[in-house]
Amino acid sequence: MSDLNNDEIRALAKAVGLEILDSDITDVNYSLNAIIEAMDGVDIEGLNAVEPLAIILQNGEAQS
């Protein structure tokens, strides 16, 4: 997988209601791409067969 660029990271952040300051984007870019690279190395047998769980928000609404 290729690294995410700053515009893609900002779009992902905006989608979940976050704003990344210009002063932070370089650090966020490095950290996020490092996490993605590390996760690419995780290969747990049967993991793709497990359905994701809903995220329960503080106000009680479920998000899937």
PDB file of N, CA and C in Angstrom:
ATOM      1  N   MET A   1       0.853  -1.180   0.000  1.00  0.00           N
ATOM      2  CA  MET A   1       0.000   0.000   0.000  1.00  0.00           C
ATOM      3  C   MET A   1       0.895   1.239   0.000  1.00  0.00           C
ATOM      4  N   SER A   2       0.551   2.206  -0.818  1.00  0.00           N
ATOM      5  CA  SER A   2       1.347   3.426  -0.857  1.00  0.00           C
ATOM      6  C   SER A   2       0.972   4.335   0.311  1.00  0.00           C
ATOM      7  N   ASP A   3       1.917   5.187   0.687  1.00  0.00           N
ATOM      8  CA  ASP A   3       1.690   6.102   1.804  1.00  0.00           C
ATOM      9  C   ASP A   3       0.565   7.083   1.488  1.00  0.00           C
ATOM     10  N   LEU A   4      -0.169   7.453   2.524  1.00  0.00           N
ATOM     11  CA  LEU A   4      -1.189   8.487   2.388  1.00  0.00           C
ATOM     12  C   LEU A   4      -0.498   9.841   2.314  1.00  0.00           C
ATOM     13  N   ASN A   5      -1.011  10.736   1.471  1.00  0.00           N
ATOM     14  CA  ASN A   5      -0.439  12.078   1.419  1.00  0.00           C
ATOM     15  C   ASN A   5      -1.217  12.999   2.360  1.00  0.00           C
ATOM     16  N   ASN A   6      -0.747  14.219   2.513  1.00  0.00           N
ATOM     17  CA  ASN A   6      -1.363  15.158   3.453  1.00  0.00           C
ATOM     18  C   ASN A   6      -2.831  15.420   3.139  1.00  0.00           C
ATOM     19  N   ASP A   7      -3.172  15.543   1.860  1.00  0.00           N
ATOM     20  CA  ASP A   7      -4.566  15.802   1.485  1.00  0.00           C
ATOM     21  C   ASP A   7      -5.470  14.628   1.855  1.00  0.00           C
ATOM     22  N   GLU A   8      -4.992  13.411   1.640  1.00  0.00           N
ATOM     23  CA  GLU A   8      -5.778  12.225   2.003  1.00  0.00           C
ATOM     24  C   GLU A   8      -5.962  12.135   3.519  1.00  0.00           C
ATOM     25  N   ILE A   9      -4.920  12.450   4.259  1.00  0.00           N
ATOM     26  CA  ILE A   9      -5.004  12.415   5.721  1.00  0.00           C
ATOM     27  C   ILE A   9      -5.979  13.470   6.223  1.00  0.00           C
ATOM     28  N   ARG A  10      -5.919  14.659   5.649  1.00  0.00           N
ATOM     29  CA  ARG A  10      -6.863  15.718   6.049  1.00  0.00           C
ATOM     30  C   ARG A  10      -8.306  15.309   5.729  1.00  0.00           C
ATOM     31  N   ALA A  11      -8.523  14.662   4.580  1.00  0.00           N
ATOM     32  CA  ALA A  11      -9.869  14.216   4.202  1.00  0.00           C
ATOM     33  C   ALA A  11     -10.376  13.154   5.173  1.00  0.00           C
ATOM     34  N   LEU A  12      -9.516  12.210   5.552  1.00  0.00           N
ATOM     35  CA  LEU A  12      -9.912  11.191   6.533  1.00  0.00           C
ATOM     36  C   LEU A  12     -10.246  11.835   7.875  1.00  0.00           C
ATOM     37  N   ALA A  13      -9.430  12.782   8.290  1.00  0.00           N
ATOM     38  CA  ALA A  13      -9.668  13.466   9.559  1.00  0.00           C
ATOM     39  C   ALA A  13     -10.989  14.231   9.518  1.00  0.00           C
ATOM     40  N   LYS A  14     -11.237  14.922   8.427  1.00  0.00           N
ATOM     41  CA  LYS A  14     -12.479  15.686   8.280  1.00  0.00           C
ATOM     42  C   LYS A  14     -13.695  14.768   8.330  1.00  0.00           C
ATOM     43  N   ALA A  15     -13.566  13.570   7.759  1.00  0.00           N
ATOM     44  CA  ALA A  15     -14.679  12.617   7.732  1.00  0.00           C
ATOM     45  C   ALA A  15     -15.107  12.190   9.131  1.00  0.00           C
ATOM     46  N   VAL A  16     -14.193  12.249  10.081  1.00  0.00           N
ATOM     47  CA  VAL A  16     -14.535  11.874  11.460  1.00  0.00           C
ATOM     48  C   VAL A  16     -14.594  13.087  12.380  1.00  0.00           C
ATOM     49  N   GLY A  17     -14.651  14.284  11.783  1.00  0.00           N
ATOM     50  CA  GLY A  17     -14.843  15.497  12.558  1.00  0.00           C
ATOM     51  C   GLY A  17     -13.594  16.056  13.207  1.00  0.00           C
ATOM     52  N   LEU A  18     -12.428  15.746  12.661  1.00  0.00           N
ATOM     53  CA  LEU A  18     -11.174  16.261  13.207  1.00  0.00           C
ATOM     54  C   LEU A  18     -10.545  17.246  12.239  1.00  0.00           C
ATOM     55  N   GLU A  19      -9.845  18.227  12.794  1.00  0.00           N
ATOM     56  CA  GLU A  19      -9.085  19.156  11.973  1.00  0.00           C
ATOM     57  C   GLU A  19      -7.621  19.011  12.357  1.00  0.00           C
ATOM     58  N   ILE A  20      -6.762  18.863  11.373  1.00  0.00           N
ATOM     59  CA  ILE A  20      -5.328  18.747  11.630  1.00  0.00           C
ATOM     60  C   ILE A  20      -4.680  20.075  11.265  1.00  0.00           C
ATOM     61  N   LEU A  21      -4.015  20.667  12.227  1.00  0.00           N
ATOM     62  CA  LEU A  21      -3.350  21.943  12.008  1.00  0.00           C
ATOM     63  C   LEU A  21      -2.152  21.768  11.081  1.00  0.00           C
ATOM     64  N   ASP A  22      -1.824  22.837  10.344  1.00  0.00           N
ATOM     65  CA  ASP A  22      -0.662  22.797   9.458  1.00  0.00           C
ATOM     66  C   ASP A  22       0.605  22.433  10.224  1.00  0.00           C
ATOM     67  N   SER A  23       0.706  22.913  11.451  1.00  0.00           N
ATOM     68  CA  SER A  23       1.901  22.649  12.253  1.00  0.00           C
ATOM     69  C   SER A  23       2.009  21.188  12.687  1.00  0.00           C
ATOM     70  N   ASP A  24       0.913  20.430  12.599  1.00  0.00           N
ATOM     71  CA  ASP A  24       0.901  19.030  13.036  1.00  0.00           C
ATOM     72  C   ASP A  24       0.897  18.024  11.891  1.00  0.00           C
ATOM     73  N   ILE A  25       0.624  18.468  10.671  1.00  0.00           N
ATOM     74  CA  ILE A  25       0.382  17.522   9.579  1.00  0.00           C
ATOM     75  C   ILE A  25       1.593  16.639   9.281  1.00  0.00           C
ATOM     76  N   THR A  26       2.802  17.160   9.393  1.00  0.00           N
ATOM     77  CA  THR A  26       3.990  16.348   9.110  1.00  0.00           C
ATOM     78  C   THR A  26       4.110  15.203  10.101  1.00  0.00           C
ATOM     79  N   ASP A  27       3.909  15.499  11.390  1.00  0.00           N
ATOM     80  CA  ASP A  27       3.981  14.457  12.419  1.00  0.00           C
ATOM     81  C   ASP A  27       2.853  13.442  12.263  1.00  0.00           C
ATOM     82  N   VAL A  28       1.645  13.922  11.979  1.00  0.00           N
ATOM     83  CA  VAL A  28       0.504  13.024  11.797  1.00  0.00           C
ATOM     84  C   VAL A  28       0.742  12.129  10.580  1.00  0.00           C
ATOM     85  N   ASN A  29       1.243  12.706   9.506  1.00  0.00           N
ATOM     86  CA  ASN A  29       1.532  11.943   8.293  1.00  0.00           C
ATOM     87  C   ASN A  29       2.529  10.826   8.595  1.00  0.00           C
ATOM     88  N   TYR A  30       3.623  11.150   9.246  1.00  0.00           N
ATOM     89  CA  TYR A  30       4.645  10.152   9.575  1.00  0.00           C
ATOM     90  C   TYR A  30       4.062   9.054  10.467  1.00  0.00           C
ATOM     91  N   SER A  31       3.353   9.453  11.523  1.00  0.00           N
ATOM     92  CA  SER A  31       2.814   8.483  12.481  1.00  0.00           C
ATOM     93  C   SER A  31       1.760   7.582  11.851  1.00  0.00           C
ATOM     94  N   LEU A  32       0.832   8.163  11.116  1.00  0.00           N
ATOM     95  CA  LEU A  32      -0.242   7.377  10.510  1.00  0.00           C
ATOM     96  C   LEU A  32       0.308   6.391   9.481  1.00  0.00           C
ATOM     97  N   ASN A  33       1.219   6.843   8.649  1.00  0.00           N
ATOM     98  CA  ASN A  33       1.801   5.939   7.657  1.00  0.00           C
ATOM     99  C   ASN A  33       2.639   4.847   8.315  1.00  0.00           C
ATOM    100  N   ALA A  34       3.299   5.153   9.433  1.00  0.00           N
ATOM    101  CA  ALA A  34       4.054   4.129  10.167  1.00  0.00           C
ATOM    102  C   ALA A  34       3.112   3.086  10.760  1.00  0.00           C
ATOM    103  N   ILE A  35       1.974   3.528  11.290  1.00  0.00           N
ATOM    104  CA  ILE A  35       0.983   2.596  11.850  1.00  0.00           C
ATOM    105  C   ILE A  35       0.430   1.692  10.748  1.00  0.00           C
ATOM    106  N   ILE A  36       0.097   2.279   9.614  1.00  0.00           N
ATOM    107  CA  ILE A  36      -0.438   1.491   8.496  1.00  0.00           C
ATOM    108  C   ILE A  36       0.588   0.463   8.028  1.00  0.00           C
ATOM    109  N   GLU A  37       1.846   0.870   7.929  1.00  0.00           N
ATOM    110  CA  GLU A  37       2.899  -0.062   7.514  1.00  0.00           C
ATOM    111  C   GLU A  37       3.049  -1.203   8.518  1.00  0.00           C
ATOM    112  N   ALA A  38       2.990  -0.883   9.808  1.00  0.00           N
ATOM    113  CA  ALA A  38       3.100  -1.919  10.839  1.00  0.00           C
ATOM    114  C   ALA A  38       1.907  -2.869  10.788  1.00  0.00           C
ATOM    115  N   MET A  39       0.713  -2.331  10.558  1.00  0.00           N
ATOM    116  CA  MET A  39      -0.488  -3.162  10.503  1.00  0.00           C
ATOM    117  C   MET A  39      -0.491  -4.075   9.276  1.00  0.00           C
ATOM    118  N   ASP A  40       0.161  -3.654   8.207  1.00  0.00           N
ATOM    119  CA  ASP A  40       0.266  -4.513   7.019  1.00  0.00           C
ATOM    120  C   ASP A  40       0.998  -5.809   7.341  1.00  0.00           C
ATOM    121  N   GLY A  41       1.850  -5.779   8.357  1.00  0.00           N
ATOM    122  CA  GLY A  41       2.597  -6.964   8.747  1.00  0.00           C
ATOM    123  C   GLY A  41       1.834  -7.910   9.652  1.00  0.00           C
ATOM    124  N   VAL A  42       0.669  -7.493  10.128  1.00  0.00           N
ATOM    125  CA  VAL A  42      -0.145  -8.338  11.007  1.00  0.00           C
ATOM    126  C   VAL A  42      -0.963  -9.287  10.139  1.00  0.00           C
ATOM    127  N   ASP A  43      -0.765 -10.562  10.342  1.00  0.00           N
ATOM    128  CA  ASP A  43      -1.476 -11.562   9.545  1.00  0.00           C
ATOM    129  C   ASP A  43      -2.017 -12.634  10.490  1.00  0.00           C
ATOM    130  N   ILE A  44      -3.210 -12.411  10.986  1.00  0.00           N
ATOM    131  CA  ILE A  44      -3.842 -13.348  11.909  1.00  0.00           C
ATOM    132  C   ILE A  44      -4.815 -14.214  11.112  1.00  0.00           C
ATOM    133  N   GLU A  45      -4.613 -15.519  11.179  1.00  0.00           N
ATOM    134  CA  GLU A  45      -5.453 -16.443  10.425  1.00  0.00           C
ATOM    135  C   GLU A  45      -6.922 -16.278  10.825  1.00  0.00           C
ATOM    136  N   GLY A  46      -7.788 -16.118   9.841  1.00  0.00           N
ATOM    137  CA  GLY A  46      -9.220 -16.005  10.082  1.00  0.00           C
ATOM    138  C   GLY A  46      -9.698 -14.606  10.434  1.00  0.00           C
ATOM    139  N   LEU A  47      -8.792 -13.636  10.525  1.00  0.00           N
ATOM    140  CA  LEU A  47      -9.179 -12.285  10.928  1.00  0.00           C
ATOM    141  C   LEU A  47     -10.186 -11.665   9.964  1.00  0.00           C
ATOM    142  N   ASN A  48     -10.029 -11.911   8.683  1.00  0.00           N
ATOM    143  CA  ASN A  48     -10.940 -11.324   7.697  1.00  0.00           C
ATOM    144  C   ASN A  48     -12.335 -11.933   7.749  1.00  0.00           C
ATOM    145  N   ALA A  49     -12.505 -13.035   8.443  1.00  0.00           N
ATOM    146  CA  ALA A  49     -13.813 -13.675   8.558  1.00  0.00           C
ATOM    147  C   ALA A  49     -14.633 -13.107   9.713  1.00  0.00           C
ATOM    148  N   VAL A  50     -14.024 -12.274  10.553  1.00  0.00           N
ATOM    149  CA  VAL A  50     -14.704 -11.709  11.722  1.00  0.00           C
ATOM    150  C   VAL A  50     -15.392 -10.414  11.327  1.00  0.00           C
ATOM    151  N   GLU A  51     -16.680 -10.302  11.648  1.00  0.00           N
ATOM    152  CA  GLU A  51     -17.430  -9.079  11.366  1.00  0.00           C
ATOM    153  C   GLU A  51     -17.006  -7.981  12.343  1.00  0.00           C
ATOM    154  N   PRO A  52     -16.876  -6.742  11.872  1.00  0.00           N
ATOM    155  CA  PRO A  52     -16.503  -5.647  12.777  1.00  0.00           C
ATOM    156  C   PRO A  52     -17.620  -5.356  13.778  1.00  0.00           C
ATOM    157  N   LEU A  53     -17.237  -4.880  14.952  1.00  0.00           N
ATOM    158  CA  LEU A  53     -18.205  -4.510  15.978  1.00  0.00           C
ATOM    159  C   LEU A  53     -18.591  -3.051  15.815  1.00  0.00           C
ATOM    160  N   ALA A  54     -19.792  -2.725  16.229  1.00  0.00           N
ATOM    161  CA  ALA A  54     -20.247  -1.336  16.199  1.00  0.00           C
ATOM    162  C   ALA A  54     -19.496  -0.535  17.252  1.00  0.00           C
ATOM    163  N   ILE A  55     -19.281   0.738  16.968  1.00  0.00           N
ATOM    164  CA  ILE A  55     -18.662   1.644  17.929  1.00  0.00           C
ATOM    165  C   ILE A  55     -19.794   2.341  18.670  1.00  0.00           C
ATOM    166  N   ILE A  56     -19.780   2.264  19.997  1.00  0.00           N
ATOM    167  CA  ILE A  56     -20.813   2.908  20.804  1.00  0.00           C
ATOM    168  C   ILE A  56     -20.327   4.299  21.201  1.00  0.00           C
ATOM    169  N   LEU A  57     -21.046   5.316  20.761  1.00  0.00           N
ATOM    170  CA  LEU A  57     -20.691   6.690  21.078  1.00  0.00           C
ATOM    171  C   LEU A  57     -21.213   7.059  22.458  1.00  0.00           C
ATOM    172  N   GLN A  58     -20.674   8.117  23.045  1.00  0.00           N
ATOM    173  CA  GLN A  58     -21.062   8.523  24.389  1.00  0.00           C
ATOM    174  C   GLN A  58     -22.539   8.885  24.497  1.00  0.00           C
ATOM    175  N   ASN A  59     -23.119   9.417  23.437  1.00  0.00           N
ATOM    176  CA  ASN A  59     -24.521   9.807  23.514  1.00  0.00           C
ATOM    177  C   ASN A  59     -25.467   8.630  23.297  1.00  0.00           C
ATOM    178  N   GLY A  60     -24.904   7.422  23.183  1.00  0.00           N
ATOM    179  CA  GLY A  60     -25.723   6.227  23.077  1.00  0.00           C
ATOM    180  C   GLY A  60     -26.059   5.798  21.665  1.00  0.00           C
ATOM    181  N   GLU A  61     -25.683   6.594  20.655  1.00  0.00           N
ATOM    182  CA  GLU A  61     -25.948   6.220  19.274  1.00  0.00           C
ATOM    183  C   GLU A  61     -24.885   5.239  18.813  1.00  0.00           C
ATOM    184  N   ALA A  62     -25.283   4.252  18.061  1.00  0.00           N
ATOM    185  CA  ALA A  62     -24.325   3.267  17.546  1.00  0.00           C
ATOM    186  C   ALA A  62     -23.850   3.693  16.170  1.00  0.00           C
ATOM    187  N   GLN A  63     -22.592   3.448  15.899  1.00  0.00           N
ATOM    188  CA  GLN A  63     -22.008   3.725  14.592  1.00  0.00           C
ATOM    189  C   GLN A  63     -21.328   2.457  14.125  1.00  0.00           C
ATOM    190  N   SER A  64     -21.565   2.057  12.880  1.00  0.00           N
ATOM    191  CA  SER A  64     -20.903   0.839  12.384  1.00  0.00           C
ATOM    192  C   SER A  64     -20.019   1.129  11.217  1.00  0.00           C
TER     193      SER A  64
END
